Amino acid sequence: MGFDPPELLAQPALVLGRLRGTMKIARVFCALVLIGVTACDDSEELAAKAKAEAAAKAAAAERAADDAKAEAARQLRIADEKAAPARTEARTALQKNLSAIDRTAMDLKERLAKLKGKAKANAEAASAEYDKRRSAAERDMEALNEARGAAWDTAKAQADKDADALKTALEAFTKALGH
């Protein structure tokens, strides 16, 4: 198994699953050795030697698993460092987009204050929907700031989806004001 950082980011459970499999094999081997030793009616010296050998093999397998975990963590860290500039750029672009939408919404809310009657009620409902969508977009920005690895990709997809919904809500708000 090679250590390809994008593959590790996409499938960290696969790496850990393989490590667990190695540990299971080592445990089964130790158990079989111990059963084989106790089943035989040889001297205590032979049994002690076999137990020591099994314990050494188990310790070696555990060290190998720990080393593999450390290498996987290192590869994930490297992949995160390589992805950081692109992620920063994506967050910045999304924030600029949200800021532009916010400026438009502020203008619309000022116009809303001047409306009366049914038009005002419709515009207030559209404004409430916009506010709900804006809160979701803000949560998405916070998630993007905190997420790492494959979780970042999931958070980015959700942020894009919610940004599109926010644009749709802004368009509905604009239409409700009659512009």
N, C-alpha and C. Protein backbone atom coordinates (compact mmCIF):
# COMPACT_ATOMS: atom_id res chain seq x y z
N MET A 1 0.85 -1.17 0.00
CA MET A 1 0.00 0.00 0.00
C MET A 1 0.89 1.23 0.00
N GLY A 2 0.80 2.07 -1.04
CA GLY A 2 1.57 3.31 -1.10
C GLY A 2 0.86 4.39 -0.31
N PHE A 3 1.54 5.46 -0.07
CA PHE A 3 0.94 6.56 0.66
C PHE A 3 0.75 7.72 -0.30
N ASP A 4 -0.38 7.76 -0.96
CA ASP A 4 -0.76 8.83 -1.87
C ASP A 4 -1.63 9.79 -1.07
N PRO A 5 -1.14 11.03 -0.76
CA PRO A 5 -1.89 11.94 0.11
C PRO A 5 -3.34 12.16 -0.30
N PRO A 6 -3.68 12.41 -1.58
CA PRO A 6 -5.09 12.59 -1.90
C PRO A 6 -5.91 11.34 -1.60
N GLU A 7 -5.31 10.16 -1.83
CA GLU A 7 -6.03 8.91 -1.53
C GLU A 7 -6.27 8.79 -0.04
N LEU A 8 -5.27 9.17 0.76
CA LEU A 8 -5.42 9.09 2.21
C LEU A 8 -6.47 10.07 2.70
N LEU A 9 -6.51 11.28 2.10
CA LEU A 9 -7.52 12.25 2.50
C LEU A 9 -8.91 11.72 2.20
N ALA A 10 -9.04 11.03 1.09
CA ALA A 10 -10.34 10.53 0.69
C ALA A 10 -10.76 9.29 1.46
N GLN A 11 -9.77 8.49 1.92
CA GLN A 11 -10.12 7.22 2.55
C GLN A 11 -9.28 6.93 3.79
N PRO A 12 -9.34 7.83 4.82
CA PRO A 12 -8.56 7.52 6.02
C PRO A 12 -9.05 6.27 6.72
N ALA A 13 -10.33 5.93 6.56
CA ALA A 13 -10.86 4.72 7.19
C ALA A 13 -10.22 3.49 6.57
N LEU A 14 -9.88 3.54 5.30
CA LEU A 14 -9.22 2.42 4.63
C LEU A 14 -7.85 2.16 5.25
N VAL A 15 -7.11 3.24 5.51
CA VAL A 15 -5.78 3.09 6.11
C VAL A 15 -5.90 2.48 7.49
N LEU A 16 -6.81 3.03 8.29
CA LEU A 16 -6.97 2.51 9.65
C LEU A 16 -7.50 1.09 9.64
N GLY A 17 -8.34 0.75 8.68
CA GLY A 17 -8.86 -0.61 8.57
C GLY A 17 -7.75 -1.60 8.28
N ARG A 18 -6.82 -1.20 7.42
CA ARG A 18 -5.70 -2.08 7.11
C ARG A 18 -4.79 -2.26 8.33
N LEU A 19 -4.65 -1.19 9.09
CA LEU A 19 -3.82 -1.29 10.30
C LEU A 19 -4.47 -2.23 11.32
N ARG A 20 -5.79 -2.13 11.44
CA ARG A 20 -6.50 -3.01 12.38
C ARG A 20 -6.38 -4.46 11.93
N GLY A 21 -6.42 -4.68 10.62
CA GLY A 21 -6.29 -6.04 10.09
C GLY A 21 -4.94 -6.63 10.44
N THR A 22 -3.89 -5.81 10.38
CA THR A 22 -2.55 -6.29 10.74
C THR A 22 -2.51 -6.70 12.20
N MET A 23 -3.14 -5.91 13.05
CA MET A 23 -3.16 -6.23 14.48
C MET A 23 -3.93 -7.52 14.74
N LYS A 24 -5.02 -7.72 14.03
CA LYS A 24 -5.82 -8.94 14.22
C LYS A 24 -5.01 -10.17 13.82
N ILE A 25 -4.28 -10.06 12.74
CA ILE A 25 -3.47 -11.19 12.29
C ILE A 25 -2.41 -11.52 13.33
N ALA A 26 -1.78 -10.49 13.90
CA ALA A 26 -0.76 -10.72 14.91
C ALA A 26 -1.36 -11.38 16.15
N ARG A 27 -2.53 -10.95 16.55
CA ARG A 27 -3.18 -11.54 17.74
C ARG A 27 -3.55 -13.00 17.49
N VAL A 28 -4.08 -13.28 16.32
CA VAL A 28 -4.46 -14.66 15.99
C VAL A 28 -3.21 -15.54 15.97
N PHE A 29 -2.14 -15.04 15.41
CA PHE A 29 -0.90 -15.80 15.37
C PHE A 29 -0.42 -16.11 16.79
N CYS A 30 -0.45 -15.10 17.64
CA CYS A 30 -0.02 -15.32 19.03
C CYS A 30 -0.90 -16.37 19.72
N ALA A 31 -2.20 -16.27 19.50
CA ALA A 31 -3.11 -17.23 20.12
C ALA A 31 -2.83 -18.65 19.62
N LEU A 32 -2.60 -18.79 18.33
CA LEU A 32 -2.32 -20.11 17.77
C LEU A 32 -1.01 -20.68 18.33
N VAL A 33 -0.03 -19.82 18.46
CA VAL A 33 1.25 -20.28 19.02
C VAL A 33 1.05 -20.74 20.46
N LEU A 34 0.30 -19.96 21.23
CA LEU A 34 0.09 -20.33 22.63
C LEU A 34 -0.73 -21.62 22.74
N ILE A 35 -1.74 -21.76 21.89
CA ILE A 35 -2.54 -22.99 21.91
C ILE A 35 -1.67 -24.19 21.54
N GLY A 36 -0.86 -24.02 20.50
CA GLY A 36 0.02 -25.10 20.07
C GLY A 36 1.01 -25.48 21.15
N VAL A 37 1.52 -24.50 21.86
CA VAL A 37 2.50 -24.77 22.90
C VAL A 37 1.85 -25.47 24.08
N THR A 38 0.66 -25.03 24.48
CA THR A 38 0.02 -25.64 25.64
C THR A 38 -0.54 -27.02 25.30
N ALA A 39 -0.89 -27.24 24.02
CA ALA A 39 -1.42 -28.55 23.63
C ALA A 39 -0.34 -29.63 23.70
N CYS A 40 0.89 -29.22 23.42
CA CYS A 40 1.99 -30.18 23.50
C CYS A 40 2.37 -30.37 24.96
N ASP A 41 2.87 -31.51 25.26
CA ASP A 41 3.25 -31.80 26.63
C ASP A 41 4.77 -31.74 26.76
N ASP A 42 5.37 -30.67 26.18
CA ASP A 42 6.82 -30.52 26.23
C ASP A 42 7.23 -29.85 27.52
N SER A 43 8.47 -29.60 27.62
CA SER A 43 9.02 -29.01 28.84
C SER A 43 8.59 -27.55 28.99
N GLU A 44 8.71 -27.08 30.20
CA GLU A 44 8.35 -25.68 30.50
C GLU A 44 9.26 -24.72 29.75
N GLU A 45 10.47 -25.11 29.53
CA GLU A 45 11.43 -24.26 28.83
C GLU A 45 10.97 -23.98 27.40
N LEU A 46 10.49 -25.01 26.74
CA LEU A 46 10.00 -24.86 25.37
C LEU A 46 8.78 -23.95 25.35
N ALA A 47 7.90 -24.13 26.32
CA ALA A 47 6.70 -23.29 26.41
C ALA A 47 7.08 -21.83 26.66
N ALA A 48 7.99 -21.59 27.56
CA ALA A 48 8.42 -20.23 27.87
C ALA A 48 9.06 -19.59 26.64
N LYS A 49 9.86 -20.36 25.92
CA LYS A 49 10.52 -19.84 24.71
C LYS A 49 9.47 -19.47 23.66
N ALA A 50 8.47 -20.31 23.47
CA ALA A 50 7.43 -20.05 22.49
C ALA A 50 6.60 -18.81 22.88
N LYS A 51 6.31 -18.68 24.19
CA LYS A 51 5.57 -17.52 24.66
C LYS A 51 6.36 -16.24 24.43
N ALA A 52 7.64 -16.28 24.72
CA ALA A 52 8.50 -15.12 24.52
C ALA A 52 8.56 -14.76 23.04
N GLU A 53 8.67 -15.78 22.20
CA GLU A 53 8.72 -15.56 20.76
C GLU A 53 7.41 -14.95 20.26
N ALA A 54 6.29 -15.45 20.75
CA ALA A 54 4.98 -14.92 20.35
C ALA A 54 4.82 -13.48 20.83
N ALA A 55 5.27 -13.22 22.06
CA ALA A 55 5.17 -11.86 22.59
C ALA A 55 6.04 -10.91 21.78
N ALA A 56 7.21 -11.36 21.37
CA ALA A 56 8.10 -10.52 20.56
C ALA A 56 7.48 -10.22 19.20
N LYS A 57 6.86 -11.24 18.60
CA LYS A 57 6.21 -11.04 17.31
C LYS A 57 5.02 -10.10 17.44
N ALA A 58 4.27 -10.24 18.52
CA ALA A 58 3.13 -9.36 18.74
C ALA A 58 3.59 -7.92 18.94
N ALA A 59 4.67 -7.74 19.70
CA ALA A 59 5.21 -6.41 19.92
C ALA A 59 5.71 -5.82 18.61
N ALA A 60 6.35 -6.62 17.78
CA ALA A 60 6.85 -6.15 16.49
C ALA A 60 5.68 -5.74 15.59
N ALA A 61 4.62 -6.54 15.61
CA ALA A 61 3.45 -6.20 14.81
C ALA A 61 2.81 -4.92 15.30
N GLU A 62 2.77 -4.73 16.60
CA GLU A 62 2.20 -3.52 17.17
C GLU A 62 3.04 -2.30 16.81
N ARG A 63 4.37 -2.46 16.86
CA ARG A 63 5.26 -1.37 16.47
C ARG A 63 5.06 -1.02 14.99
N ALA A 64 4.91 -2.04 14.17
CA ALA A 64 4.70 -1.81 12.74
C ALA A 64 3.38 -1.06 12.52
N ALA A 65 2.36 -1.45 13.26
CA ALA A 65 1.07 -0.77 13.14
C ALA A 65 1.18 0.68 13.60
N ASP A 66 1.89 0.92 14.70
CA ASP A 66 2.09 2.29 15.19
C ASP A 66 2.86 3.12 14.17
N ASP A 67 3.88 2.51 13.57
CA ASP A 67 4.66 3.21 12.55
C ASP A 67 3.80 3.56 11.35
N ALA A 68 2.94 2.64 10.95
CA ALA A 68 2.06 2.88 9.81
C ALA A 68 1.05 3.99 10.13
N LYS A 69 0.54 4.00 11.36
CA LYS A 69 -0.38 5.06 11.77
C LYS A 69 0.34 6.42 11.75
N ALA A 70 1.54 6.45 12.25
CA ALA A 70 2.31 7.70 12.28
C ALA A 70 2.57 8.19 10.85
N GLU A 71 2.90 7.28 9.95
CA GLU A 71 3.15 7.65 8.55
C GLU A 71 1.88 8.16 7.90
N ALA A 72 0.76 7.53 8.17
CA ALA A 72 -0.52 7.97 7.61
C ALA A 72 -0.86 9.38 8.12
N ALA A 73 -0.63 9.62 9.40
CA ALA A 73 -0.89 10.94 9.97
C ALA A 73 0.02 11.98 9.35
N ARG A 74 1.27 11.62 9.12
CA ARG A 74 2.22 12.54 8.49
C ARG A 74 1.78 12.86 7.06
N GLN A 75 1.35 11.86 6.33
CA GLN A 75 0.90 12.07 4.96
C GLN A 75 -0.35 12.96 4.92
N LEU A 76 -1.26 12.77 5.87
CA LEU A 76 -2.45 13.61 5.95
C LEU A 76 -2.07 15.06 6.24
N ARG A 77 -1.12 15.24 7.14
CA ARG A 77 -0.65 16.58 7.49
C ARG A 77 -0.03 17.26 6.26
N ILE A 78 0.78 16.52 5.51
CA ILE A 78 1.40 17.05 4.30
C ILE A 78 0.32 17.44 3.28
N ALA A 79 -0.65 16.58 3.10
CA ALA A 79 -1.73 16.86 2.14
C ALA A 79 -2.52 18.10 2.56
N ASP A 80 -2.78 18.25 3.86
CA ASP A 80 -3.48 19.44 4.35
C ASP A 80 -2.66 20.71 4.08
N GLU A 81 -1.35 20.62 4.29
CA GLU A 81 -0.49 21.78 4.05
C GLU A 81 -0.49 22.15 2.57
N LYS A 82 -0.49 21.15 1.70
CA LYS A 82 -0.51 21.43 0.26
C LYS A 82 -1.84 22.03 -0.18
N ALA A 83 -2.92 21.62 0.46
CA ALA A 83 -4.25 22.09 0.08
C ALA A 83 -4.60 23.45 0.71
N ALA A 84 -3.84 23.89 1.69
CA ALA A 84 -4.17 25.12 2.42
C ALA A 84 -4.32 26.35 1.52
N PRO A 85 -3.41 26.62 0.59
CA PRO A 85 -3.59 27.83 -0.24
C PRO A 85 -4.88 27.81 -1.07
N ALA A 86 -5.20 26.69 -1.65
CA ALA A 86 -6.43 26.60 -2.45
C ALA A 86 -7.66 26.76 -1.56
N ARG A 87 -7.60 26.22 -0.37
CA ARG A 87 -8.73 26.34 0.55
C ARG A 87 -8.90 27.79 1.01
N THR A 88 -7.80 28.46 1.25
CA THR A 88 -7.87 29.86 1.66
C THR A 88 -8.47 30.69 0.53
N GLU A 89 -8.06 30.42 -0.68
CA GLU A 89 -8.60 31.14 -1.84
C GLU A 89 -10.10 30.89 -1.98
N ALA A 90 -10.53 29.66 -1.79
CA ALA A 90 -11.95 29.33 -1.89
C ALA A 90 -12.76 30.04 -0.80
N ARG A 91 -12.23 30.05 0.42
CA ARG A 91 -12.92 30.74 1.52
C ARG A 91 -13.03 32.24 1.23
N THR A 92 -11.95 32.83 0.72
CA THR A 92 -11.93 34.26 0.42
C THR A 92 -12.95 34.60 -0.66
N ALA A 93 -13.01 33.79 -1.71
CA ALA A 93 -13.98 34.02 -2.79
C ALA A 93 -15.40 33.91 -2.27
N LEU A 94 -15.67 32.93 -1.44
CA LEU A 94 -17.01 32.77 -0.89
C LEU A 94 -17.36 33.96 0.01
N GLN A 95 -16.41 34.42 0.81
CA GLN A 95 -16.66 35.56 1.70
C GLN A 95 -16.95 36.82 0.89
N LYS A 96 -16.21 37.04 -0.20
CA LYS A 96 -16.45 38.21 -1.05
C LYS A 96 -17.85 38.14 -1.65
N ASN A 97 -18.24 36.96 -2.10
CA ASN A 97 -19.56 36.76 -2.67
C ASN A 97 -20.65 37.08 -1.63
N LEU A 98 -20.46 36.57 -0.41
CA LEU A 98 -21.43 36.83 0.66
C LEU A 98 -21.49 38.31 1.01
N SER A 99 -20.36 38.98 0.99
CA SER A 99 -20.33 40.42 1.30
C SER A 99 -21.10 41.21 0.25
N ALA A 100 -20.94 40.85 -1.02
CA ALA A 100 -21.68 41.53 -2.09
C ALA A 100 -23.17 41.30 -1.93
N ILE A 101 -23.55 40.09 -1.61
CA ILE A 101 -24.97 39.78 -1.39
C ILE A 101 -25.51 40.56 -0.20
N ASP A 102 -24.71 40.67 0.86
CA ASP A 102 -25.13 41.41 2.05
C ASP A 102 -25.38 42.88 1.73
N ARG A 103 -24.52 43.49 0.90
CA ARG A 103 -24.71 44.90 0.55
C ARG A 103 -26.04 45.09 -0.18
N THR A 104 -26.32 44.18 -1.10
CA THR A 104 -27.59 44.26 -1.83
C THR A 104 -28.77 44.08 -0.88
N ALA A 105 -28.66 43.14 0.03
CA ALA A 105 -29.74 42.87 0.98
C ALA A 105 -29.99 44.09 1.89
N MET A 106 -28.93 44.75 2.30
CA MET A 106 -29.10 45.94 3.15
C MET A 106 -29.88 47.01 2.41
N ASP A 107 -29.58 47.20 1.14
CA ASP A 107 -30.31 48.16 0.32
C ASP A 107 -31.78 47.78 0.23
N LEU A 108 -32.03 46.50 0.01
CA LEU A 108 -33.41 46.02 -0.09
C LEU A 108 -34.16 46.19 1.22
N LYS A 109 -33.49 45.97 2.34
CA LYS A 109 -34.15 46.13 3.65
C LYS A 109 -34.49 47.60 3.93
N GLU A 110 -33.67 48.51 3.42
CA GLU A 110 -34.00 49.93 3.56
C GLU A 110 -35.25 50.27 2.75
N ARG A 111 -35.36 49.70 1.56
CA ARG A 111 -36.54 49.91 0.73
C ARG A 111 -37.78 49.27 1.35
N LEU A 112 -37.58 48.15 2.02
CA LEU A 112 -38.69 47.44 2.67
C LEU A 112 -39.37 48.33 3.71
N ALA A 113 -38.59 49.12 4.42
CA ALA A 113 -39.15 49.97 5.47
C ALA A 113 -40.14 50.99 4.92
N LYS A 114 -40.03 51.31 3.64
CA LYS A 114 -40.91 52.32 3.03
C LYS A 114 -42.20 51.72 2.46
N LEU A 115 -42.28 50.39 2.39
CA LEU A 115 -43.45 49.75 1.81
C LEU A 115 -44.62 49.70 2.80
N LYS A 116 -45.83 49.47 2.22
CA LYS A 116 -47.03 49.37 3.06
C LYS A 116 -47.92 48.27 2.52
N GLY A 117 -48.78 47.75 3.37
CA GLY A 117 -49.81 46.82 2.96
C GLY A 117 -49.29 45.43 2.60
N LYS A 118 -49.95 44.84 1.59
CA LYS A 118 -49.64 43.47 1.18
C LYS A 118 -48.22 43.36 0.62
N ALA A 119 -47.78 44.37 -0.08
CA ALA A 119 -46.42 44.36 -0.63
C ALA A 119 -45.38 44.26 0.49
N LYS A 120 -45.66 44.97 1.58
CA LYS A 120 -44.73 44.93 2.72
C LYS A 120 -44.72 43.54 3.35
N ALA A 121 -45.90 42.94 3.49
CA ALA A 121 -45.98 41.60 4.08
C ALA A 121 -45.22 40.59 3.22
N ASN A 122 -45.38 40.66 1.91
CA ASN A 122 -44.65 39.75 1.01
C ASN A 122 -43.15 39.98 1.09
N ALA A 123 -42.76 41.24 1.11
CA ALA A 123 -41.33 41.56 1.17
C ALA A 123 -40.73 41.13 2.52
N GLU A 124 -41.50 41.26 3.60
CA GLU A 124 -41.01 40.82 4.91
C GLU A 124 -40.81 39.30 4.94
N ALA A 125 -41.71 38.57 4.31
CA ALA A 125 -41.56 37.11 4.24
C ALA A 125 -40.31 36.74 3.44
N ALA A 126 -40.08 37.45 2.32
CA ALA A 126 -38.88 37.20 1.52
C ALA A 126 -37.63 37.58 2.30
N SER A 127 -37.71 38.65 3.07
CA SER A 127 -36.57 39.08 3.90
C SER A 127 -36.26 38.03 4.97
N ALA A 128 -37.31 37.46 5.57
CA ALA A 128 -37.10 36.43 6.60
C ALA A 128 -36.44 35.19 5.99
N GLU A 129 -36.85 34.82 4.79
CA GLU A 129 -36.23 33.68 4.10
C GLU A 129 -34.76 33.98 3.80
N TYR A 130 -34.49 35.21 3.36
CA TYR A 130 -33.11 35.61 3.11
C TYR A 130 -32.29 35.48 4.39
N ASP A 131 -32.82 35.98 5.50
CA ASP A 131 -32.10 35.93 6.78
C ASP A 131 -31.80 34.49 7.19
N LYS A 132 -32.76 33.60 6.97
CA LYS A 132 -32.57 32.19 7.29
C LYS A 132 -31.43 31.60 6.45
N ARG A 133 -31.45 31.90 5.17
CA ARG A 133 -30.40 31.39 4.26
C ARG A 133 -29.05 32.01 4.59
N ARG A 134 -29.04 33.26 5.02
CA ARG A 134 -27.78 33.94 5.36
C ARG A 134 -27.17 33.29 6.60
N SER A 135 -28.00 32.91 7.56
CA SER A 135 -27.49 32.22 8.77
C SER A 135 -26.84 30.89 8.40
N ALA A 136 -27.46 30.16 7.48
CA ALA A 136 -26.88 28.90 7.02
C ALA A 136 -25.54 29.13 6.34
N ALA A 137 -25.45 30.19 5.55
CA ALA A 137 -24.19 30.51 4.87
C ALA A 137 -23.10 30.88 5.88
N GLU A 138 -23.47 31.56 6.93
CA GLU A 138 -22.50 31.94 7.97
C GLU A 138 -21.99 30.69 8.70
N ARG A 139 -22.89 29.75 9.00
CA ARG A 139 -22.46 28.49 9.62
C ARG A 139 -21.50 27.74 8.70
N ASP A 140 -21.78 27.79 7.41
CA ASP A 140 -20.91 27.11 6.44
C ASP A 140 -19.51 27.74 6.44
N MET A 141 -19.43 29.05 6.54
CA MET A 141 -18.12 29.71 6.58
C MET A 141 -17.35 29.27 7.83
N GLU A 142 -18.02 29.17 8.94
CA GLU A 142 -17.37 28.70 10.17
C GLU A 142 -16.89 27.26 10.00
N ALA A 143 -17.70 26.43 9.36
CA ALA A 143 -17.31 25.04 9.13
C ALA A 143 -16.08 24.96 8.22
N LEU A 144 -16.03 25.81 7.21
CA LEU A 144 -14.86 25.83 6.32
C LEU A 144 -13.60 26.24 7.06
N ASN A 145 -13.74 27.12 8.01
CA ASN A 145 -12.57 27.56 8.79
C ASN A 145 -12.05 26.46 9.71
N GLU A 146 -12.92 25.57 10.13
CA GLU A 146 -12.54 24.52 11.08
C GLU A 146 -12.19 23.18 10.43
N ALA A 147 -12.75 22.90 9.27
CA ALA A 147 -12.63 21.56 8.66
C ALA A 147 -11.23 21.31 8.10
N ARG A 148 -10.87 20.04 8.09
CA ARG A 148 -9.59 19.57 7.53
C ARG A 148 -9.86 18.31 6.71
N GLY A 149 -8.96 18.02 5.80
CA GLY A 149 -9.04 16.77 5.04
C GLY A 149 -10.30 16.66 4.22
N ALA A 150 -10.83 15.46 4.17
CA ALA A 150 -12.03 15.18 3.37
C ALA A 150 -13.24 15.94 3.92
N ALA A 151 -13.26 16.24 5.20
CA ALA A 151 -14.37 16.99 5.78
C ALA A 151 -14.46 18.39 5.17
N TRP A 152 -13.31 18.95 4.77
CA TRP A 152 -13.32 20.27 4.15
C TRP A 152 -14.06 20.22 2.82
N ASP A 153 -13.83 19.18 2.04
CA ASP A 153 -14.51 19.05 0.75
C ASP A 153 -16.02 18.96 0.94
N THR A 154 -16.45 18.24 1.94
CA THR A 154 -17.87 18.13 2.24
C THR A 154 -18.44 19.48 2.67
N ALA A 155 -17.70 20.18 3.54
CA ALA A 155 -18.15 21.49 4.00
C ALA A 155 -18.19 22.49 2.84
N LYS A 156 -17.24 22.41 1.93
CA LYS A 156 -17.21 23.31 0.77
C LYS A 156 -18.41 23.06 -0.13
N ALA A 157 -18.74 21.80 -0.36
CA ALA A 157 -19.90 21.48 -1.19
C ALA A 157 -21.18 22.03 -0.55
N GLN A 158 -21.31 21.89 0.76
CA GLN A 158 -22.48 22.42 1.47
C GLN A 158 -22.50 23.94 1.39
N ALA A 159 -21.35 24.58 1.54
CA ALA A 159 -21.27 26.04 1.47
C ALA A 159 -21.69 26.54 0.09
N ASP A 160 -21.25 25.86 -0.96
CA ASP A 160 -21.64 26.24 -2.31
C ASP A 160 -23.15 26.11 -2.51
N LYS A 161 -23.69 25.01 -2.01
CA LYS A 161 -25.13 24.77 -2.12
C LYS A 161 -25.91 25.86 -1.38
N ASP A 162 -25.48 26.19 -0.16
CA ASP A 162 -26.18 27.21 0.62
C ASP A 162 -25.99 28.60 0.03
N ALA A 163 -24.85 28.87 -0.61
CA ALA A 163 -24.63 30.16 -1.26
C ALA A 163 -25.59 30.31 -2.44
N ASP A 164 -25.80 29.24 -3.18
CA ASP A 164 -26.77 29.29 -4.28
C ASP A 164 -28.18 29.53 -3.75
N ALA A 165 -28.53 28.89 -2.65
CA ALA A 165 -29.84 29.09 -2.04
C ALA A 165 -29.98 30.54 -1.54
N LEU A 166 -28.89 31.11 -1.04
CA LEU A 166 -28.91 32.50 -0.58
C LEU A 166 -29.15 33.44 -1.76
N LYS A 167 -28.50 33.17 -2.89
CA LYS A 167 -28.72 34.00 -4.09
C LYS A 167 -30.18 33.91 -4.53
N THR A 168 -30.74 32.73 -4.49
CA THR A 168 -32.13 32.54 -4.87
C THR A 168 -33.05 33.32 -3.92
N ALA A 169 -32.76 33.28 -2.64
CA ALA A 169 -33.55 34.02 -1.66
C ALA A 169 -33.43 35.52 -1.88
N LEU A 170 -32.25 36.00 -2.25
CA LEU A 170 -32.05 37.42 -2.53
C LEU A 170 -32.85 37.82 -3.76
N GLU A 171 -32.85 36.98 -4.78
CA GLU A 171 -33.64 37.26 -5.98
C GLU A 171 -35.13 37.33 -5.66
N ALA A 172 -35.60 36.44 -4.80
CA ALA A 172 -37.00 36.45 -4.39
C ALA A 172 -37.31 37.73 -3.60
N PHE A 173 -36.39 38.13 -2.77
CA PHE A 173 -36.54 39.35 -1.97
C PHE A 173 -36.61 40.56 -2.92
N THR A 174 -35.75 40.60 -3.91
CA THR A 174 -35.74 41.68 -4.89
C THR A 174 -37.07 41.72 -5.66
N LYS A 175 -37.51 40.56 -6.06
CA LYS A 175 -38.78 40.46 -6.81
C LYS A 175 -39.96 40.89 -5.93
N ALA A 176 -39.93 40.54 -4.65
CA ALA A 176 -41.02 40.93 -3.74
C ALA A 176 -41.11 42.44 -3.57
N LEU A 177 -39.98 43.12 -3.73
CA LEU A 177 -39.98 44.58 -3.64
C LEU A 177 -40.39 45.21 -4.96
N GLY A 178 -40.54 44.40 -6.00
CA GLY A 178 -40.99 44.90 -7.28
C GLY A 178 -39.87 45.50 -8.12
N HIS A 179 -38.65 45.03 -7.92
CA HIS A 179 -37.52 45.56 -8.71
C HIS A 179 -36.99 44.54 -9.66
